[in-house]
């Protein structure tokens, strides 16, 4: 319950970190600008991080139910 209003929070309301939100915003914006999802290398270049860091973030977003991707298919990230 929300302490101030006493209203219950929606169970579907997703909670994510600021960094996860930045990745989600990048995926959303890139997908709309280029009409295809970004590759992990696109995220690596944008955020200036290592390939394992990007991959770990993608796995975390997927595990948290924020994105979906198809194994073995390039550029298959979808925001849920």
Protein backbone atom coordinates (compact mmCIF):
# COMPACT_ATOMS: atom_id res chain seq x y z
CA UNK A 1 0.00 0.00 0.00
CA UNK A 2 1.11 3.51 -0.67
CA UNK A 3 1.82 5.09 2.71
CA UNK A 4 0.49 8.53 1.85
CA UNK A 5 -2.76 7.70 0.07
CA UNK A 6 -3.42 4.22 1.38
CA UNK A 7 -4.04 3.05 -2.19
CA UNK A 8 -2.65 -0.28 -3.28
CA UNK A 9 -0.01 -0.26 -6.01
CA UNK A 10 -0.79 -1.94 -9.27
CA UNK A 11 0.82 -5.41 -9.38
CA UNK A 12 1.72 -4.82 -13.04
CA UNK A 13 3.71 -1.67 -12.24
CA UNK A 14 7.32 -2.53 -13.09
CA UNK A 15 10.13 -1.20 -10.96
CA UNK A 16 13.54 -0.77 -12.54
CA UNK A 17 16.76 1.09 -11.85
CA UNK A 18 17.74 4.35 -13.51
CA UNK A 19 20.34 2.55 -15.63
CA UNK A 20 17.79 -0.07 -16.72
CA UNK A 21 15.42 2.76 -17.64
CA UNK A 22 18.15 4.35 -19.76
CA UNK A 23 18.64 1.09 -21.65
CA UNK A 24 14.88 0.70 -22.14
CA UNK A 25 14.62 4.29 -23.41
CA UNK A 26 17.51 3.68 -25.81
CA UNK A 27 15.94 0.47 -27.14
CA UNK A 28 12.59 2.22 -27.58
CA UNK A 29 14.04 5.29 -29.30
CA UNK A 30 16.43 3.33 -31.53
CA UNK A 31 13.64 0.98 -32.59
CA UNK A 32 11.40 3.87 -33.60
CA UNK A 33 14.13 5.84 -35.35
CA UNK A 34 15.60 2.97 -37.38
CA UNK A 35 12.53 0.70 -37.55
CA UNK A 36 14.49 -2.21 -36.10
CA UNK A 37 15.77 -3.03 -32.61
CA UNK A 38 19.36 -2.20 -31.70
CA UNK A 39 22.13 -4.77 -31.68
CA UNK A 40 24.14 -5.18 -28.50
CA UNK A 41 27.03 -3.42 -30.28
CA UNK A 42 24.80 -0.36 -30.81
CA UNK A 43 24.13 -0.24 -27.06
CA UNK A 44 27.81 -0.79 -26.34
CA UNK A 45 28.75 2.21 -28.48
CA UNK A 46 26.02 4.43 -27.05
CA UNK A 47 26.70 3.69 -23.37
CA UNK A 48 30.48 3.32 -23.85
CA UNK A 49 30.64 0.04 -21.94
CA UNK A 50 32.10 -3.40 -22.59
CA UNK A 51 30.28 -6.14 -24.51
CA UNK A 52 29.81 -8.27 -21.36
CA UNK A 53 28.22 -5.28 -19.55
CA UNK A 54 25.65 -4.81 -22.30
CA UNK A 55 24.90 -8.52 -22.49
CA UNK A 56 24.44 -8.72 -18.73
CA UNK A 57 22.00 -5.78 -18.84
CA UNK A 58 20.03 -7.43 -21.66
CA UNK A 59 19.82 -10.64 -19.61
CA UNK A 60 18.71 -8.68 -16.54
CA UNK A 61 16.01 -6.81 -18.47
CA UNK A 62 14.79 -10.09 -19.93
CA UNK A 63 14.81 -11.86 -16.56
CA UNK A 64 12.78 -8.98 -15.06
CA UNK A 65 10.18 -9.30 -17.80
CA UNK A 66 10.88 -5.87 -19.32
CA UNK A 67 12.05 -7.11 -22.73
CA UNK A 68 11.73 -10.24 -24.83
CA UNK A 69 14.14 -11.60 -27.41
CA UNK A 70 14.39 -14.68 -29.60
CA UNK A 71 17.44 -16.87 -28.99
CA UNK A 72 19.76 -17.03 -31.99
CA UNK A 73 18.00 -14.17 -33.81
CA UNK A 74 19.91 -10.91 -34.22
CA UNK A 75 18.12 -7.65 -33.34
CA UNK A 76 15.15 -9.42 -31.79
CA UNK A 77 14.74 -7.29 -28.64
CA UNK A 78 11.16 -6.20 -27.95
CA UNK A 79 10.04 -4.01 -25.06
CA UNK A 80 7.12 -5.55 -23.18
